[in-house]
PDB file of N, CA and C in Angstrom:
ATOM      1  N   UNK A   1       2.790  33.816 -32.378  1.00  0.00           N
ATOM      2  CA  UNK A   1       3.322  34.128 -31.084  1.00  0.00           C
ATOM      3  C   UNK A   1       3.160  32.902 -30.102  1.00  0.00           C
ATOM      4  N   UNK A   2       4.119  32.533 -29.550  1.00  0.00           N
ATOM      5  CA  UNK A   2       4.050  31.443 -28.554  1.00  0.00           C
ATOM      6  C   UNK A   2       4.149  32.129 -27.129  1.00  0.00           C
ATOM      7  N   UNK A   3       3.143  32.350 -26.275  1.00  0.00           N
ATOM      8  CA  UNK A   3       3.171  33.075 -25.212  1.00  0.00           C
ATOM      9  C   UNK A   3       3.925  32.287 -24.176  1.00  0.00           C
ATOM     10  N   UNK A   4       3.833  31.029 -24.051  1.00  0.00           N
ATOM     11  CA  UNK A   4       4.604  30.328 -23.039  1.00  0.00           C
ATOM     12  C   UNK A   4       6.138  30.389 -23.345  1.00  0.00           C
ATOM     13  N   UNK A   5       6.509  30.363 -24.484  1.00  0.00           N
ATOM     14  CA  UNK A   5       7.951  30.541 -24.859  1.00  0.00           C
ATOM     15  C   UNK A   5       8.453  31.940 -24.475  1.00  0.00           C
ATOM     16  N   UNK A   6       7.468  32.872 -24.796  1.00  0.00           N
ATOM     17  CA  UNK A   6       7.990  34.340 -24.380  1.00  0.00           C
ATOM     18  C   UNK A   6       7.856  34.503 -22.926  1.00  0.00           C
ATOM     19  N   UNK A   7       7.179  33.886 -22.247  1.00  0.00           N
ATOM     20  CA  UNK A   7       7.248  33.913 -20.800  1.00  0.00           C
ATOM     21  C   UNK A   7       8.510  33.432 -20.257  1.00  0.00           C
ATOM     22  N   UNK A   8       8.824  32.130 -20.751  1.00  0.00           N
ATOM     23  CA  UNK A   8      10.108  31.608 -20.476  1.00  0.00           C
ATOM     24  C   UNK A   8      11.380  32.427 -20.757  1.00  0.00           C
ATOM     25  N   UNK A   9      11.337  33.101 -22.004  1.00  0.00           N
ATOM     26  CA  UNK A   9      12.402  33.941 -22.366  1.00  0.00           C
ATOM     27  C   UNK A   9      12.630  35.093 -21.453  1.00  0.00           C
ATOM     28  N   UNK A  10      11.396  35.631 -20.938  1.00  0.00           N
ATOM     29  CA  UNK A  10      11.454  36.943 -20.046  1.00  0.00           C
ATOM     30  C   UNK A  10      12.024  36.380 -18.679  1.00  0.00           C
ATOM     31  N   UNK A  11      11.681  35.118 -18.223  1.00  0.00           N
ATOM     32  CA  UNK A  11      12.134  34.664 -16.885  1.00  0.00           C
ATOM     33  C   UNK A  11      13.698  34.473 -17.064  1.00  0.00           C
ATOM     34  N   UNK A  12      14.109  33.828 -18.230  1.00  0.00           N
ATOM     35  CA  UNK A  12      15.525  33.685 -18.413  1.00  0.00           C
ATOM     36  C   UNK A  12      16.252  35.112 -18.353  1.00  0.00           C
ATOM     37  N   UNK A  13      15.724  36.056 -19.142  1.00  0.00           N
ATOM     38  CA  UNK A  13      16.308  37.306 -19.147  1.00  0.00           C
ATOM     39  C   UNK A  13      16.498  37.894 -17.839  1.00  0.00           C
ATOM     40  N   UNK A  14      15.364  37.906 -16.897  1.00  0.00           N
ATOM     41  CA  UNK A  14      15.307  38.467 -15.463  1.00  0.00           C
ATOM     42  C   UNK A  14      16.283  37.622 -14.685  1.00  0.00           C
ATOM     43  N   UNK A  15      16.328  36.464 -14.875  1.00  0.00           N
ATOM     44  CA  UNK A  15      17.092  35.666 -13.920  1.00  0.00           C
ATOM     45  C   UNK A  15      18.642  35.991 -14.297  1.00  0.00           C
ATOM     46  N   UNK A  16      18.932  35.971 -15.472  1.00  0.00           N
ATOM     47  CA  UNK A  16      20.536  36.325 -15.811  1.00  0.00           C
ATOM     48  C   UNK A  16      20.759  37.782 -15.531  1.00  0.00           C
ATOM     49  N   UNK A  17      19.847  38.748 -15.699  1.00  0.00           N
ATOM     50  CA  UNK A  17      20.323  39.964 -15.206  1.00  0.00           C
ATOM     51  C   UNK A  17      20.359  40.139 -13.706  1.00  0.00           C
ATOM     52  N   UNK A  18      19.906  39.193 -12.914  1.00  0.00           N
ATOM     53  CA  UNK A  18      19.955  39.088 -11.464  1.00  0.00           C
ATOM     54  C   UNK A  18      21.213  38.247 -11.102  1.00  0.00           C
ATOM     55  N   UNK A  19      21.824  37.610 -11.952  1.00  0.00           N
ATOM     56  CA  UNK A  19      23.042  36.683 -11.797  1.00  0.00           C
ATOM     57  C   UNK A  19      22.626  35.488 -11.142  1.00  0.00           C
ATOM     58  N   UNK A  20      21.486  35.003 -11.321  1.00  0.00           N
ATOM     59  CA  UNK A  20      21.022  33.786 -10.686  1.00  0.00           C
ATOM     60  C   UNK A  20      21.150  32.595 -11.624  1.00  0.00           C
ATOM     61  N   UNK A  21      21.446  31.577 -11.123  1.00  0.00           N
ATOM     62  CA  UNK A  21      21.405  30.219 -12.013  1.00  0.00           C
ATOM     63  C   UNK A  21      19.942  29.712 -11.970  1.00  0.00           C
ATOM     64  N   UNK A  22      19.704  28.902 -12.864  1.00  0.00           N
ATOM     65  CA  UNK A  22      18.309  28.278 -12.900  1.00  0.00           C
ATOM     66  C   UNK A  22      18.065  27.596 -11.693  1.00  0.00           C
ATOM     67  N   UNK A  23      19.099  26.937 -11.070  1.00  0.00           N
ATOM     68  CA  UNK A  23      18.959  26.116  -9.873  1.00  0.00           C
ATOM     69  C   UNK A  23      18.592  27.107  -8.617  1.00  0.00           C
ATOM     70  N   UNK A  24      19.207  28.145  -8.481  1.00  0.00           N
ATOM     71  CA  UNK A  24      19.158  29.197  -7.464  1.00  0.00           C
ATOM     72  C   UNK A  24      17.827  29.721  -7.640  1.00  0.00           C
ATOM     73  N   UNK A  25      17.318  30.130  -8.767  1.00  0.00           N
ATOM     74  CA  UNK A  25      16.014  30.665  -8.819  1.00  0.00           C
ATOM     75  C   UNK A  25      14.902  29.655  -8.568  1.00  0.00           C
ATOM     76  N   UNK A  26      15.015  28.451  -8.950  1.00  0.00           N
ATOM     77  CA  UNK A  26      14.112  27.456  -8.554  1.00  0.00           C
ATOM     78  C   UNK A  26      14.017  27.258  -7.008  1.00  0.00           C
ATOM     79  N   UNK A  27      15.281  27.375  -6.480  1.00  0.00           N
ATOM     80  CA  UNK A  27      15.296  27.122  -4.877  1.00  0.00           C
ATOM     81  C   UNK A  27      14.591  28.375  -4.353  1.00  0.00           C
ATOM     82  N   UNK A  28      14.928  29.455  -4.824  1.00  0.00           N
ATOM     83  CA  UNK A  28      14.329  30.758  -4.210  1.00  0.00           C
ATOM     84  C   UNK A  28      12.705  30.749  -4.479  1.00  0.00           C
ATOM     85  N   UNK A  29      12.267  30.220  -5.489  1.00  0.00           N
ATOM     86  CA  UNK A  29      10.741  30.109  -5.783  1.00  0.00           C
ATOM     87  C   UNK A  29      10.160  28.909  -5.325  1.00  0.00           C
ATOM     88  N   UNK A  30      10.899  28.024  -4.605  1.00  0.00           N
ATOM     89  CA  UNK A  30      10.449  26.744  -4.105  1.00  0.00           C
ATOM     90  C   UNK A  30       9.873  25.800  -5.249  1.00  0.00           C
ATOM     91  N   UNK A  31      10.446  25.771  -6.304  1.00  0.00           N
ATOM     92  CA  UNK A  31      10.046  25.045  -7.456  1.00  0.00           C
ATOM     93  C   UNK A  31      11.122  24.036  -7.854  1.00  0.00           C
ATOM     94  N   UNK A  32      10.838  22.873  -8.288  1.00  0.00           N
ATOM     95  CA  UNK A  32      11.820  21.840  -8.512  1.00  0.00           C
ATOM     96  C   UNK A  32      12.455  22.337  -9.959  1.00  0.00           C
ATOM     97  N   UNK A  33      13.854  22.181  -9.990  1.00  0.00           N
ATOM     98  CA  UNK A  33      14.784  22.679 -11.019  1.00  0.00           C
ATOM     99  C   UNK A  33      14.162  22.267 -12.417  1.00  0.00           C
ATOM    100  N   UNK A  34      13.935  20.984 -12.433  1.00  0.00           N
ATOM    101  CA  UNK A  34      13.526  20.428 -13.753  1.00  0.00           C
ATOM    102  C   UNK A  34      12.192  21.111 -14.286  1.00  0.00           C
ATOM    103  N   UNK A  35      11.230  21.357 -13.385  1.00  0.00           N
ATOM    104  CA  UNK A  35      10.046  22.196 -13.718  1.00  0.00           C
ATOM    105  C   UNK A  35      10.413  23.572 -14.112  1.00  0.00           C
ATOM    106  N   UNK A  36      11.290  24.195 -13.435  1.00  0.00           N
ATOM    107  CA  UNK A  36      11.719  25.560 -13.856  1.00  0.00           C
ATOM    108  C   UNK A  36      12.316  25.623 -15.209  1.00  0.00           C
ATOM    109  N   UNK A  37      13.023  24.335 -15.563  1.00  0.00           N
ATOM    110  CA  UNK A  37      13.672  24.254 -16.909  1.00  0.00           C
ATOM    111  C   UNK A  37      12.550  24.246 -18.084  1.00  0.00           C
ATOM    112  N   UNK A  38      11.486  23.403 -17.612  1.00  0.00           N
ATOM    113  CA  UNK A  38      10.259  23.180 -18.552  1.00  0.00           C
ATOM    114  C   UNK A  38       9.580  24.631 -18.762  1.00  0.00           C
ATOM    115  N   UNK A  39       9.428  25.460 -17.711  1.00  0.00           N
ATOM    116  CA  UNK A  39       8.813  26.839 -17.835  1.00  0.00           C
ATOM    117  C   UNK A  39       9.741  27.684 -18.654  1.00  0.00           C
ATOM    118  N   UNK A  40      10.927  27.633 -18.449  1.00  0.00           N
ATOM    119  CA  UNK A  40      11.770  28.477 -19.282  1.00  0.00           C
ATOM    120  C   UNK A  40      11.954  28.136 -20.629  1.00  0.00           C
ATOM    121  N   UNK A  41      11.774  26.919 -21.043  1.00  0.00           N
ATOM    122  CA  UNK A  41      11.803  26.439 -22.354  1.00  0.00           C
ATOM    123  C   UNK A  41      10.342  26.417 -22.971  1.00  0.00           C
ATOM    124  N   UNK A  42       9.346  26.941 -22.366  1.00  0.00           N
ATOM    125  CA  UNK A  42       8.038  26.933 -22.860  1.00  0.00           C
ATOM    126  C   UNK A  42       7.263  25.783 -22.878  1.00  0.00           C
ATOM    127  N   UNK A  43       7.727  24.631 -22.164  1.00  0.00           N
ATOM    128  CA  UNK A  43       7.050  23.404 -22.211  1.00  0.00           C
ATOM    129  C   UNK A  43       6.061  23.200 -21.180  1.00  0.00           C
ATOM    130  N   UNK A  44       5.864  24.025 -20.399  1.00  0.00           N
ATOM    131  CA  UNK A  44       4.703  24.023 -19.313  1.00  0.00           C
ATOM    132  C   UNK A  44       3.880  25.170 -19.455  1.00  0.00           C
ATOM    133  N   UNK A  45       2.549  24.863 -19.192  1.00  0.00           N
ATOM    134  CA  UNK A  45       1.506  25.855 -19.096  1.00  0.00           C
ATOM    135  C   UNK A  45       1.551  26.339 -17.722  1.00  0.00           C
ATOM    136  N   UNK A  46       2.097  27.361 -17.434  1.00  0.00           N
ATOM    137  CA  UNK A  46       2.349  28.000 -16.090  1.00  0.00           C
ATOM    138  C   UNK A  46       1.224  28.521 -15.456  1.00  0.00           C
ATOM    139  N   UNK A  47       0.906  28.143 -14.113  1.00  0.00           N
ATOM    140  CA  UNK A  47      -0.244  28.732 -13.600  1.00  0.00           C
ATOM    141  C   UNK A  47       0.013  30.099 -12.966  1.00  0.00           C
ATOM    142  N   UNK A  48      -0.913  30.983 -12.728  1.00  0.00           N
ATOM    143  CA  UNK A  48      -0.921  32.308 -12.131  1.00  0.00           C
ATOM    144  C   UNK A  48       0.028  32.137 -10.768  1.00  0.00           C
ATOM    145  N   UNK A  49      -0.419  31.155  -9.958  1.00  0.00           N
ATOM    146  CA  UNK A  49       0.248  30.922  -8.770  1.00  0.00           C
ATOM    147  C   UNK A  49       1.742  30.783  -8.886  1.00  0.00           C
ATOM    148  N   UNK A  50       2.068  29.893  -9.878  1.00  0.00           N
ATOM    149  CA  UNK A  50       3.612  29.615 -10.150  1.00  0.00           C
ATOM    150  C   UNK A  50       4.400  30.830 -10.741  1.00  0.00           C
ATOM    151  N   UNK A  51       3.574  31.424 -11.665  1.00  0.00           N
ATOM    152  CA  UNK A  51       4.159  32.824 -12.040  1.00  0.00           C
ATOM    153  C   UNK A  51       4.449  33.699 -10.966  1.00  0.00           C
ATOM    154  N   UNK A  52       3.638  33.827  -9.973  1.00  0.00           N
ATOM    155  CA  UNK A  52       3.680  34.837  -8.833  1.00  0.00           C
ATOM    156  C   UNK A  52       4.932  34.388  -7.971  1.00  0.00           C
ATOM    157  N   UNK A  53       5.040  32.957  -7.860  1.00  0.00           N
ATOM    158  CA  UNK A  53       6.063  32.594  -7.072  1.00  0.00           C
ATOM    159  C   UNK A  53       7.515  33.090  -7.727  1.00  0.00           C
ATOM    160  N   UNK A  54       7.597  32.795  -9.077  1.00  0.00           N
ATOM    161  CA  UNK A  54       8.824  33.013  -9.817  1.00  0.00           C
ATOM    162  C   UNK A  54       9.023  34.573  -9.818  1.00  0.00           C
ATOM    163  N   UNK A  55       7.972  35.343  -9.991  1.00  0.00           N
ATOM    164  CA  UNK A  55       8.125  36.742 -10.002  1.00  0.00           C
ATOM    165  C   UNK A  55       8.718  37.413  -8.746  1.00  0.00           C
ATOM    166  N   UNK A  56       8.125  36.792  -7.631  1.00  0.00           N
ATOM    167  CA  UNK A  56       8.602  37.335  -6.386  1.00  0.00           C
ATOM    168  C   UNK A  56      10.148  37.008  -6.194  1.00  0.00           C
ATOM    169  N   UNK A  57      10.530  35.711  -6.567  1.00  0.00           N
ATOM    170  CA  UNK A  57      11.855  35.453  -6.528  1.00  0.00           C
ATOM    171  C   UNK A  57      12.814  36.207  -7.386  1.00  0.00           C
ATOM    172  N   UNK A  58      12.123  36.908  -8.393  1.00  0.00           N
ATOM    173  CA  UNK A  58      13.022  37.839  -9.333  1.00  0.00           C
ATOM    174  C   UNK A  58      12.699  39.227  -8.930  1.00  0.00           C
ATOM    175  N   UNK A  59      11.941  39.447  -7.875  1.00  0.00           N
ATOM    176  CA  UNK A  59      11.840  40.896  -7.431  1.00  0.00           C
ATOM    177  C   UNK A  59      11.057  41.658  -8.480  1.00  0.00           C
ATOM    178  N   UNK A  60       9.915  41.075  -9.054  1.00  0.00           N
ATOM    179  CA  UNK A  60       9.133  41.812 -10.024  1.00  0.00           C
ATOM    180  C   UNK A  60       7.713  41.124  -9.785  1.00  0.00           C
ATOM    181  N   UNK A  61       6.771  41.513 -10.616  1.00  0.00           N
ATOM    182  CA  UNK A  61       5.566  41.024 -10.549  1.00  0.00           C
ATOM    183  C   UNK A  61       5.119  39.945 -11.751  1.00  0.00           C
ATOM    184  N   UNK A  62       4.176  39.160 -11.532  1.00  0.00           N
ATOM    185  CA  UNK A  62       3.803  38.312 -12.670  1.00  0.00           C
ATOM    186  C   UNK A  62       3.199  39.229 -13.836  1.00  0.00           C
ATOM    187  N   UNK A  63       2.534  40.260 -13.545  1.00  0.00           N
ATOM    188  CA  UNK A  63       1.982  41.102 -14.445  1.00  0.00           C
ATOM    189  C   UNK A  63       3.059  41.754 -15.280  1.00  0.00           C
ATOM    190  N   UNK A  64       4.238  42.090 -14.815  1.00  0.00           N
ATOM    191  CA  UNK A  64       5.327  42.736 -15.467  1.00  0.00           C
ATOM    192  C   UNK A  64       5.879  41.671 -16.565  1.00  0.00           C
ATOM    193  N   UNK A  65       5.942  40.400 -16.039  1.00  0.00           N
ATOM    194  CA  UNK A  65       6.431  39.393 -16.896  1.00  0.00           C
ATOM    195  C   UNK A  65       5.598  39.214 -17.975  1.00  0.00           C
ATOM    196  N   UNK A  66       4.251  39.028 -17.680  1.00  0.00           N
ATOM    197  CA  UNK A  66       3.212  39.010 -18.816  1.00  0.00           C
ATOM    198  C   UNK A  66       3.309  39.991 -19.824  1.00  0.00           C
ATOM    199  N   UNK A  67       3.486  41.211 -19.350  1.00  0.00           N
ATOM    200  CA  UNK A  67       3.412  42.439 -20.144  1.00  0.00           C
ATOM    201  C   UNK A  67       4.433  42.377 -21.156  1.00  0.00           C
ATOM    202  N   UNK A  68       5.631  41.926 -20.645  1.00  0.00           N
ATOM    203  CA  UNK A  68       6.839  41.863 -21.626  1.00  0.00           C
ATOM    204  C   UNK A  68       6.543  40.758 -22.690  1.00  0.00           C
ATOM    205  N   UNK A  69       6.115  39.564 -22.024  1.00  0.00           N
ATOM    206  CA  UNK A  69       5.909  38.436 -22.976  1.00  0.00           C
ATOM    207  C   UNK A  69       4.819  38.455 -24.045  1.00  0.00           C
ATOM    208  N   UNK A  70       3.788  39.349 -23.768  1.00  0.00           N
ATOM    209  CA  UNK A  70       2.732  39.594 -24.688  1.00  0.00           C
ATOM    210  C   UNK A  70       3.325  40.511 -25.765  1.00  0.00           C
ATOM    211  N   UNK A  71       4.140  41.394 -25.513  1.00  0.00           N
ATOM    212  CA  UNK A  71       4.744  42.377 -26.498  1.00  0.00           C
ATOM    213  C   UNK A  71       5.583  41.764 -27.575  1.00  0.00           C
ATOM    214  N   UNK A  72       6.347  40.537 -27.115  1.00  0.00           N
ATOM    215  CA  UNK A  72       7.240  39.830 -28.094  1.00  0.00           C
ATOM    216  C   UNK A  72       6.462  39.159 -29.244  1.00  0.00           C
TER     217      UNK A  72
END
């Protein structure tokens, strides 16, 4: 199991379900779009603070994202 990749996949799934582009999500979370791309592709070891910012922009919680990611 690659937890970072699973977190990225869950973020992608939530982002698409909300009709957001990667650029729009990055803007809403106040994160550089390239950094967001790295997170979504499992290339970044995401901090709890960063996960929280992204989760808020997706109208969810970091714990919900982790819960789904850990199940995969």
